[in-house]
Amino acid sequence: MIDFEFVSHDEKSVTISARSQITGKENKMVLPINLGKFRDCRETYDEGTMIQYAFPMLNAEQREFLMTGSTQEEWDAAFPEEDEDE
């Protein structure tokens, strides 16, 4: 998991800021998990559990953000899908 900062949080979500490993841009994302649960999941992840099991409530895009700081738009621009006909 990359370095990130908590921007804000409430009882239902946390907002995280992280630098994209693809573009170097600072990105923010709101994750649908409270701070206490996030910390518990992070501890599970740090103990070696795969991210999809440590953070099962997050979707693939949200988990990718935690790992790389990258948004789906950045990922799509950096790694465009190829046409199957090519």
PDB file of N, CA and C in Angstrom:
ATOM      1  N   MET A   1       0.857  -1.167   0.000  1.00  0.00           N
ATOM      2  CA  MET A   1       0.000   0.000   0.000  1.00  0.00           C
ATOM      3  C   MET A   1       0.904   1.231   0.000  1.00  0.00           C
ATOM      4  N   ILE A   2       0.519   2.225  -0.766  1.00  0.00           N
ATOM      5  CA  ILE A   2       1.316   3.440  -0.878  1.00  0.00           C
ATOM      6  C   ILE A   2       1.098   4.368   0.312  1.00  0.00           C
ATOM      7  N   ASP A   3       1.922   5.397   0.410  1.00  0.00           N
ATOM      8  CA  ASP A   3       1.720   6.424   1.424  1.00  0.00           C
ATOM      9  C   ASP A   3       0.500   7.247   1.045  1.00  0.00           C
ATOM     10  N   PHE A   4      -0.323   7.552   2.023  1.00  0.00           N
ATOM     11  CA  PHE A   4      -1.509   8.367   1.783  1.00  0.00           C
ATOM     12  C   PHE A   4      -1.789   9.186   3.024  1.00  0.00           C
ATOM     13  N   GLU A   5      -2.681  10.161   2.858  1.00  0.00           N
ATOM     14  CA  GLU A   5      -3.111  10.992   3.981  1.00  0.00           C
ATOM     15  C   GLU A   5      -4.622  10.918   4.102  1.00  0.00           C
ATOM     16  N   PHE A   6      -5.108  10.919   5.323  1.00  0.00           N
ATOM     17  CA  PHE A   6      -6.538  11.052   5.547  1.00  0.00           C
ATOM     18  C   PHE A   6      -6.873  12.526   5.405  1.00  0.00           C
ATOM     19  N   VAL A   7      -7.763  12.846   4.488  1.00  0.00           N
ATOM     20  CA  VAL A   7      -8.187  14.225   4.282  1.00  0.00           C
ATOM     21  C   VAL A   7      -9.324  14.546   5.238  1.00  0.00           C
ATOM     22  N   SER A   8     -10.275  13.633   5.329  1.00  0.00           N
ATOM     23  CA  SER A   8     -11.400  13.805   6.231  1.00  0.00           C
ATOM     24  C   SER A   8     -12.055  12.449   6.453  1.00  0.00           C
ATOM     25  N   HIS A   9     -12.948  12.411   7.427  1.00  0.00           N
ATOM     26  CA  HIS A   9     -13.713  11.192   7.669  1.00  0.00           C
ATOM     27  C   HIS A   9     -14.965  11.544   8.446  1.00  0.00           C
ATOM     28  N   ASP A  10     -15.940  10.677   8.334  1.00  0.00           N
ATOM     29  CA  ASP A  10     -17.143  10.787   9.136  1.00  0.00           C
ATOM     30  C   ASP A  10     -17.517   9.373   9.551  1.00  0.00           C
ATOM     31  N   GLU A  11     -18.720   9.176  10.051  1.00  0.00           N
ATOM     32  CA  GLU A  11     -19.082   7.850  10.561  1.00  0.00           C
ATOM     33  C   GLU A  11     -19.278   6.806   9.468  1.00  0.00           C
ATOM     34  N   LYS A  12     -19.352   7.238   8.195  1.00  0.00           N
ATOM     35  CA  LYS A  12     -19.592   6.284   7.104  1.00  0.00           C
ATOM     36  C   LYS A  12     -18.501   6.236   6.051  1.00  0.00           C
ATOM     37  N   SER A  13     -17.555   7.185   6.073  1.00  0.00           N
ATOM     38  CA  SER A  13     -16.566   7.210   4.996  1.00  0.00           C
ATOM     39  C   SER A  13     -15.267   7.886   5.422  1.00  0.00           C
ATOM     40  N   VAL A  14     -14.228   7.606   4.642  1.00  0.00           N
ATOM     41  CA  VAL A  14     -12.955   8.311   4.781  1.00  0.00           C
ATOM     42  C   VAL A  14     -12.587   8.863   3.415  1.00  0.00           C
ATOM     43  N   THR A  15     -11.968  10.021   3.403  1.00  0.00           N
ATOM     44  CA  THR A  15     -11.433  10.589   2.174  1.00  0.00           C
ATOM     45  C   THR A  15      -9.921  10.522   2.290  1.00  0.00           C
ATOM     46  N   ILE A  16      -9.296   9.951   1.268  1.00  0.00           N
ATOM     47  CA  ILE A  16      -7.857   9.722   1.268  1.00  0.00           C
ATOM     48  C   ILE A  16      -7.225  10.469   0.107  1.00  0.00           C
ATOM     49  N   SER A  17      -6.058  11.013   0.342  1.00  0.00           N
ATOM     50  CA  SER A  17      -5.269  11.674  -0.684  1.00  0.00           C
ATOM     51  C   SER A  17      -3.993  10.866  -0.882  1.00  0.00           C
ATOM     52  N   ALA A  18      -3.650  10.594  -2.157  1.00  0.00           N
ATOM     53  CA  ALA A  18      -2.445   9.828  -2.467  1.00  0.00           C
ATOM     54  C   ALA A  18      -1.886  10.283  -3.809  1.00  0.00           C
ATOM     55  N   ARG A  19      -0.577  10.138  -3.966  1.00  0.00           N
ATOM     56  CA  ARG A  19       0.087  10.484  -5.226  1.00  0.00           C
ATOM     57  C   ARG A  19       0.057   9.282  -6.153  1.00  0.00           C
ATOM     58  N   SER A  20      -0.439   9.509  -7.366  1.00  0.00           N
ATOM     59  CA  SER A  20      -0.539   8.455  -8.366  1.00  0.00           C
ATOM     60  C   SER A  20       0.840   7.965  -8.780  1.00  0.00           C
ATOM     61  N   GLN A  21       1.027   6.656  -8.796  1.00  0.00           N
ATOM     62  CA  GLN A  21       2.271   6.080  -9.269  1.00  0.00           C
ATOM     63  C   GLN A  21       2.342   6.116 -10.796  1.00  0.00           C
ATOM     64  N   ILE A  22       1.231   6.388 -11.450  1.00  0.00           N
ATOM     65  CA  ILE A  22       1.210   6.469 -12.916  1.00  0.00           C
ATOM     66  C   ILE A  22       1.548   7.877 -13.392  1.00  0.00           C
ATOM     67  N   THR A  23       0.876   8.896 -12.829  1.00  0.00           N
ATOM     68  CA  THR A  23       1.035  10.266 -13.327  1.00  0.00           C
ATOM     69  C   THR A  23       1.789  11.194 -12.387  1.00  0.00           C
ATOM     70  N   GLY A  24       1.914  10.818 -11.126  1.00  0.00           N
ATOM     71  CA  GLY A  24       2.530  11.701 -10.138  1.00  0.00           C
ATOM     72  C   GLY A  24       1.566  12.730  -9.581  1.00  0.00           C
ATOM     73  N   LYS A  25       0.346  12.738 -10.082  1.00  0.00           N
ATOM     74  CA  LYS A  25      -0.679  13.686  -9.647  1.00  0.00           C
ATOM     75  C   LYS A  25      -1.228  13.270  -8.280  1.00  0.00           C
ATOM     76  N   GLU A  26      -1.563  14.268  -7.466  1.00  0.00           N
ATOM     77  CA  GLU A  26      -2.195  14.015  -6.177  1.00  0.00           C
ATOM     78  C   GLU A  26      -3.686  13.791  -6.415  1.00  0.00           C
ATOM     79  N   ASN A  27      -4.192  12.650  -5.999  1.00  0.00           N
ATOM     80  CA  ASN A  27      -5.603  12.299  -6.189  1.00  0.00           C
ATOM     81  C   ASN A  27      -6.279  12.104  -4.842  1.00  0.00           C
ATOM     82  N   LYS A  28      -7.587  12.283  -4.828  1.00  0.00           N
ATOM     83  CA  LYS A  28      -8.387  12.040  -3.629  1.00  0.00           C
ATOM     84  C   LYS A  28      -9.493  11.066  -3.986  1.00  0.00           C
ATOM     85  N   MET A  29      -9.859  10.249  -3.004  1.00  0.00           N
ATOM     86  CA  MET A  29     -10.972   9.333  -3.203  1.00  0.00           C
ATOM     87  C   MET A  29     -11.710   9.158  -1.879  1.00  0.00           C
ATOM     88  N   VAL A  30     -13.037   9.139  -1.963  1.00  0.00           N
ATOM     89  CA  VAL A  30     -13.881   8.862  -0.811  1.00  0.00           C
ATOM     90  C   VAL A  30     -14.142   7.359  -0.804  1.00  0.00           C
ATOM     91  N   LEU A  31     -13.836   6.731   0.313  1.00  0.00           N
ATOM     92  CA  LEU A  31     -14.049   5.297   0.458  1.00  0.00           C
ATOM     93  C   LEU A  31     -15.194   5.046   1.437  1.00  0.00           C
ATOM     94  N   PRO A  32     -16.105   4.129   1.108  1.00  0.00           N
ATOM     95  CA  PRO A  32     -17.283   3.889   1.941  1.00  0.00           C
ATOM     96  C   PRO A  32     -16.977   2.981   3.142  1.00  0.00           C
ATOM     97  N   ILE A  33     -16.138   3.482   4.038  1.00  0.00           N
ATOM     98  CA  ILE A  33     -15.724   2.715   5.210  1.00  0.00           C
ATOM     99  C   ILE A  33     -15.360   3.728   6.294  1.00  0.00           C
ATOM    100  N   ASN A  34     -15.753   3.448   7.534  1.00  0.00           N
ATOM    101  CA  ASN A  34     -15.414   4.411   8.583  1.00  0.00           C
ATOM    102  C   ASN A  34     -13.960   4.235   9.002  1.00  0.00           C
ATOM    103  N   LEU A  35     -13.437   5.208   9.709  1.00  0.00           N
ATOM    104  CA  LEU A  35     -12.019   5.253  10.040  1.00  0.00           C
ATOM    105  C   LEU A  35     -11.582   4.050  10.872  1.00  0.00           C
ATOM    106  N   GLY A  36     -12.372   3.662  11.847  1.00  0.00           N
ATOM    107  CA  GLY A  36     -12.021   2.519  12.682  1.00  0.00           C
ATOM    108  C   GLY A  36     -11.932   1.231  11.883  1.00  0.00           C
ATOM    109  N   LYS A  37     -12.914   0.999  11.035  1.00  0.00           N
ATOM    110  CA  LYS A  37     -12.912  -0.201  10.193  1.00  0.00           C
ATOM    111  C   LYS A  37     -11.752  -0.148   9.206  1.00  0.00           C
ATOM    112  N   PHE A  38     -11.466   1.035   8.650  1.00  0.00           N
ATOM    113  CA  PHE A  38     -10.340   1.176   7.735  1.00  0.00           C
ATOM    114  C   PHE A  38      -9.045   0.759   8.435  1.00  0.00           C
ATOM    115  N   ARG A  39      -8.850   1.231   9.638  1.00  0.00           N
ATOM    116  CA  ARG A  39      -7.616   0.903  10.375  1.00  0.00           C
ATOM    117  C   ARG A  39      -7.530  -0.598  10.650  1.00  0.00           C
ATOM    118  N   ASP A  40      -8.662  -1.228  10.998  1.00  0.00           N
ATOM    119  CA  ASP A  40      -8.677  -2.679  11.218  1.00  0.00           C
ATOM    120  C   ASP A  40      -8.313  -3.425   9.934  1.00  0.00           C
ATOM    121  N   CYS A  41      -8.892  -3.010   8.814  1.00  0.00           N
ATOM    122  CA  CYS A  41      -8.610  -3.648   7.519  1.00  0.00           C
ATOM    123  C   CYS A  41      -7.161  -3.426   7.126  1.00  0.00           C
ATOM    124  N   ARG A  42      -6.644  -2.250   7.380  1.00  0.00           N
ATOM    125  CA  ARG A  42      -5.243  -1.942   7.054  1.00  0.00           C
ATOM    126  C   ARG A  42      -4.303  -2.842   7.848  1.00  0.00           C
ATOM    127  N   GLU A  43      -4.619  -3.059   9.105  1.00  0.00           N
ATOM    128  CA  GLU A  43      -3.799  -3.944   9.928  1.00  0.00           C
ATOM    129  C   GLU A  43      -3.817  -5.365   9.363  1.00  0.00           C
ATOM    130  N   THR A  44      -4.987  -5.831   8.957  1.00  0.00           N
ATOM    131  CA  THR A  44      -5.110  -7.156   8.342  1.00  0.00           C
ATOM    132  C   THR A  44      -4.277  -7.226   7.073  1.00  0.00           C
ATOM    133  N   TYR A  45      -4.339  -6.189   6.255  1.00  0.00           N
ATOM    134  CA  TYR A  45      -3.548  -6.133   5.027  1.00  0.00           C
ATOM    135  C   TYR A  45      -2.051  -6.139   5.348  1.00  0.00           C
ATOM    136  N   ASP A  46      -1.642  -5.339   6.312  1.00  0.00           N
ATOM    137  CA  ASP A  46      -0.232  -5.250   6.688  1.00  0.00           C
ATOM    138  C   ASP A  46       0.300  -6.577   7.234  1.00  0.00           C
ATOM    139  N   GLU A  47      -0.584  -7.416   7.750  1.00  0.00           N
ATOM    140  CA  GLU A  47      -0.185  -8.730   8.261  1.00  0.00           C
ATOM    141  C   GLU A  47      -0.038  -9.751   7.136  1.00  0.00           C
ATOM    142  N   GLY A  48      -0.342  -9.335   5.886  1.00  0.00           N
ATOM    143  CA  GLY A  48      -0.106 -10.224   4.753  1.00  0.00           C
ATOM    144  C   GLY A  48      -1.350 -10.715   4.025  1.00  0.00           C
ATOM    145  N   THR A  49      -2.516 -10.298   4.452  1.00  0.00           N
ATOM    146  CA  THR A  49      -3.745 -10.695   3.768  1.00  0.00           C
ATOM    147  C   THR A  49      -3.864  -9.938   2.451  1.00  0.00           C
ATOM    148  N   MET A  50      -4.269 -10.631   1.392  1.00  0.00           N
ATOM    149  CA  MET A  50      -4.461  -9.973   0.093  1.00  0.00           C
ATOM    150  C   MET A  50      -5.489  -8.865   0.229  1.00  0.00           C
ATOM    151  N   ILE A  51      -5.294  -7.788  -0.521  1.00  0.00           N
ATOM    152  CA  ILE A  51      -6.121  -6.593  -0.348  1.00  0.00           C
ATOM    153  C   ILE A  51      -7.610  -6.863  -0.570  1.00  0.00           C
ATOM    154  N   GLN A  52      -7.961  -7.741  -1.516  1.00  0.00           N
ATOM    155  CA  GLN A  52      -9.377  -8.002  -1.763  1.00  0.00           C
ATOM    156  C   GLN A  52     -10.038  -8.711  -0.579  1.00  0.00           C
ATOM    157  N   TYR A  53      -9.253  -9.405   0.250  1.00  0.00           N
ATOM    158  CA  TYR A  53      -9.797 -10.044   1.451  1.00  0.00           C
ATOM    159  C   TYR A  53      -9.712  -9.119   2.662  1.00  0.00           C
ATOM    160  N   ALA A  54      -8.701  -8.278   2.704  1.00  0.00           N
ATOM    161  CA  ALA A  54      -8.558  -7.334   3.812  1.00  0.00           C
ATOM    162  C   ALA A  54      -9.592  -6.212   3.733  1.00  0.00           C
ATOM    163  N   PHE A  55      -9.948  -5.812   2.500  1.00  0.00           N
ATOM    164  CA  PHE A  55     -10.920  -4.740   2.272  1.00  0.00           C
ATOM    165  C   PHE A  55     -12.059  -5.254   1.376  1.00  0.00           C
ATOM    166  N   PRO A  56     -12.833  -6.237   1.826  1.00  0.00           N
ATOM    167  CA  PRO A  56     -13.854  -6.820   0.952  1.00  0.00           C
ATOM    168  C   PRO A  56     -14.997  -5.865   0.597  1.00  0.00           C
ATOM    169  N   MET A  57     -15.161  -4.806   1.377  1.00  0.00           N
ATOM    170  CA  MET A  57     -16.248  -3.859   1.124  1.00  0.00           C
ATOM    171  C   MET A  57     -15.899  -2.852   0.021  1.00  0.00           C
ATOM    172  N   LEU A  58     -14.643  -2.831  -0.420  1.00  0.00           N
ATOM    173  CA  LEU A  58     -14.226  -1.904  -1.473  1.00  0.00           C
ATOM    174  C   LEU A  58     -14.232  -2.616  -2.818  1.00  0.00           C
ATOM    175  N   ASN A  59     -14.508  -1.845  -3.871  1.00  0.00           N
ATOM    176  CA  ASN A  59     -14.476  -2.423  -5.214  1.00  0.00           C
ATOM    177  C   ASN A  59     -13.041  -2.384  -5.754  1.00  0.00           C
ATOM    178  N   ALA A  60     -12.837  -2.982  -6.905  1.00  0.00           N
ATOM    179  CA  ALA A  60     -11.490  -3.094  -7.482  1.00  0.00           C
ATOM    180  C   ALA A  60     -10.849  -1.721  -7.705  1.00  0.00           C
ATOM    181  N   GLU A  61     -11.622  -0.749  -8.163  1.00  0.00           N
ATOM    182  CA  GLU A  61     -11.080   0.593  -8.398  1.00  0.00           C
ATOM    183  C   GLU A  61     -10.602   1.230  -7.090  1.00  0.00           C
ATOM    184  N   GLN A  62     -11.363   1.065  -6.035  1.00  0.00           N
ATOM    185  CA  GLN A  62     -10.996   1.633  -4.742  1.00  0.00           C
ATOM    186  C   GLN A  62      -9.757   0.944  -4.169  1.00  0.00           C
ATOM    187  N   ARG A  63      -9.676  -0.370  -4.328  1.00  0.00           N
ATOM    188  CA  ARG A  63      -8.497  -1.096  -3.846  1.00  0.00           C
ATOM    189  C   ARG A  63      -7.254  -0.710  -4.649  1.00  0.00           C
ATOM    190  N   GLU A  64      -7.408  -0.529  -5.958  1.00  0.00           N
ATOM    191  CA  GLU A  64      -6.282  -0.098  -6.790  1.00  0.00           C
ATOM    192  C   GLU A  64      -5.781   1.268  -6.338  1.00  0.00           C
ATOM    193  N   PHE A  65      -6.706   2.148  -5.985  1.00  0.00           N
ATOM    194  CA  PHE A  65      -6.319   3.466  -5.482  1.00  0.00           C
ATOM    195  C   PHE A  65      -5.459   3.341  -4.226  1.00  0.00           C
ATOM    196  N   LEU A  66      -5.838   2.444  -3.322  1.00  0.00           N
ATOM    197  CA  LEU A  66      -5.047   2.240  -2.111  1.00  0.00           C
ATOM    198  C   LEU A  66      -3.653   1.703  -2.425  1.00  0.00           C
ATOM    199  N   MET A  67      -3.547   0.892  -3.460  1.00  0.00           N
ATOM    200  CA  MET A  67      -2.255   0.280  -3.790  1.00  0.00           C
ATOM    201  C   MET A  67      -1.361   1.199  -4.613  1.00  0.00           C
ATOM    202  N   THR A  68      -1.953   2.032  -5.486  1.00  0.00           N
ATOM    203  CA  THR A  68      -1.141   2.820  -6.425  1.00  0.00           C
ATOM    204  C   THR A  68      -1.429   4.312  -6.419  1.00  0.00           C
ATOM    205  N   GLY A  69      -2.512   4.741  -5.773  1.00  0.00           N
ATOM    206  CA  GLY A  69      -2.893   6.152  -5.807  1.00  0.00           C
ATOM    207  C   GLY A  69      -3.479   6.566  -7.146  1.00  0.00           C
ATOM    208  N   SER A  70      -3.709   5.609  -8.015  1.00  0.00           N
ATOM    209  CA  SER A  70      -4.175   5.887  -9.381  1.00  0.00           C
ATOM    210  C   SER A  70      -5.689   5.760  -9.490  1.00  0.00           C
ATOM    211  N   THR A  71      -6.263   6.628 -10.293  1.00  0.00           N
ATOM    212  CA  THR A  71      -7.694   6.566 -10.563  1.00  0.00           C
ATOM    213  C   THR A  71      -7.954   5.667 -11.769  1.00  0.00           C
ATOM    214  N   GLN A  72      -9.196   5.299 -11.963  1.00  0.00           N
ATOM    215  CA  GLN A  72      -9.562   4.475 -13.112  1.00  0.00           C
ATOM    216  C   GLN A  72      -9.243   5.197 -14.417  1.00  0.00           C
ATOM    217  N   GLU A  73      -9.451   6.508 -14.459  1.00  0.00           N
ATOM    218  CA  GLU A  73      -9.174   7.283 -15.663  1.00  0.00           C
ATOM    219  C   GLU A  73      -7.682   7.247 -16.008  1.00  0.00           C
ATOM    220  N   GLU A  74      -6.839   7.380 -15.011  1.00  0.00           N
ATOM    221  CA  GLU A  74      -5.394   7.315 -15.244  1.00  0.00           C
ATOM    222  C   GLU A  74      -4.982   5.923 -15.730  1.00  0.00           C
ATOM    223  N   TRP A  75      -5.548   4.905 -15.108  1.00  0.00           N
ATOM    224  CA  TRP A  75      -5.250   3.525 -15.487  1.00  0.00           C
ATOM    225  C   TRP A  75      -5.659   3.279 -16.940  1.00  0.00           C
ATOM    226  N   ASP A  76      -6.873   3.716 -17.306  1.00  0.00           N
ATOM    227  CA  ASP A  76      -7.377   3.519 -18.672  1.00  0.00           C
ATOM    228  C   ASP A  76      -6.513   4.249 -19.694  1.00  0.00           C
ATOM    229  N   ALA A  77      -6.041   5.454 -19.351  1.00  0.00           N
ATOM    230  CA  ALA A  77      -5.202   6.219 -20.280  1.00  0.00           C
ATOM    231  C   ALA A  77      -3.824   5.577 -20.431  1.00  0.00           C
ATOM    232  N   ALA A  78      -3.291   5.046 -19.337  1.00  0.00           N
ATOM    233  CA  ALA A  78      -1.957   4.455 -19.375  1.00  0.00           C
ATOM    234  C   ALA A  78      -1.950   3.065 -20.012  1.00  0.00           C
ATOM    235  N   PHE A  79      -3.055   2.335 -19.844  1.00  0.00           N
ATOM    236  CA  PHE A  79      -3.130   0.961 -20.337  1.00  0.00           C
ATOM    237  C   PHE A  79      -4.426   0.745 -21.116  1.00  0.00           C
ATOM    238  N   PRO A  80      -4.536   1.363 -22.302  1.00  0.00           N
ATOM    239  CA  PRO A  80      -5.776   1.229 -23.075  1.00  0.00           C
ATOM    240  C   PRO A  80      -5.993  -0.219 -23.505  1.00  0.00           C
ATOM    241  N   GLU A  81      -7.263  -0.594 -23.548  1.00  0.00           N
ATOM    242  CA  GLU A  81      -7.595  -1.937 -24.022  1.00  0.00           C
ATOM    243  C   GLU A  81      -7.367  -2.001 -25.515  1.00  0.00           C
ATOM    244  N   GLU A  82      -6.826  -3.115 -25.971  1.00  0.00           N
ATOM    245  CA  GLU A  82      -6.615  -3.309 -27.406  1.00  0.00           C
ATOM    246  C   GLU A  82      -7.857  -3.937 -28.008  1.00  0.00           C
ATOM    247  N   ASP A  83      -8.116  -3.593 -29.252  1.00  0.00           N
ATOM    248  CA  ASP A  83      -9.205  -4.227 -29.989  1.00  0.00           C
ATOM    249  C   ASP A  83      -8.869  -5.693 -30.179  1.00  0.00           C
ATOM    250  N   GLU A  84      -9.860  -6.550 -29.988  1.00  0.00           N
ATOM    251  CA  GLU A  84      -9.637  -7.975 -30.197  1.00  0.00           C
ATOM    252  C   GLU A  84      -9.394  -8.295 -31.660  1.00  0.00           C
ATOM    253  N   ASP A  85      -9.818  -7.399 -32.577  1.00  0.00           N
ATOM    254  CA  ASP A  85      -9.667  -7.633 -34.012  1.00  0.00           C
ATOM    255  C   ASP A  85      -8.253  -7.364 -34.485  1.00  0.00           C
ATOM    256  N   GLU A  86      -7.462  -6.674 -33.671  1.00  0.00           N
ATOM    257  CA  GLU A  86      -6.106  -6.302 -34.119  1.00  0.00           C
ATOM    258  C   GLU A  86      -5.144  -7.461 -34.017  1.00  0.00           C
TER     259      GLU A  86
END
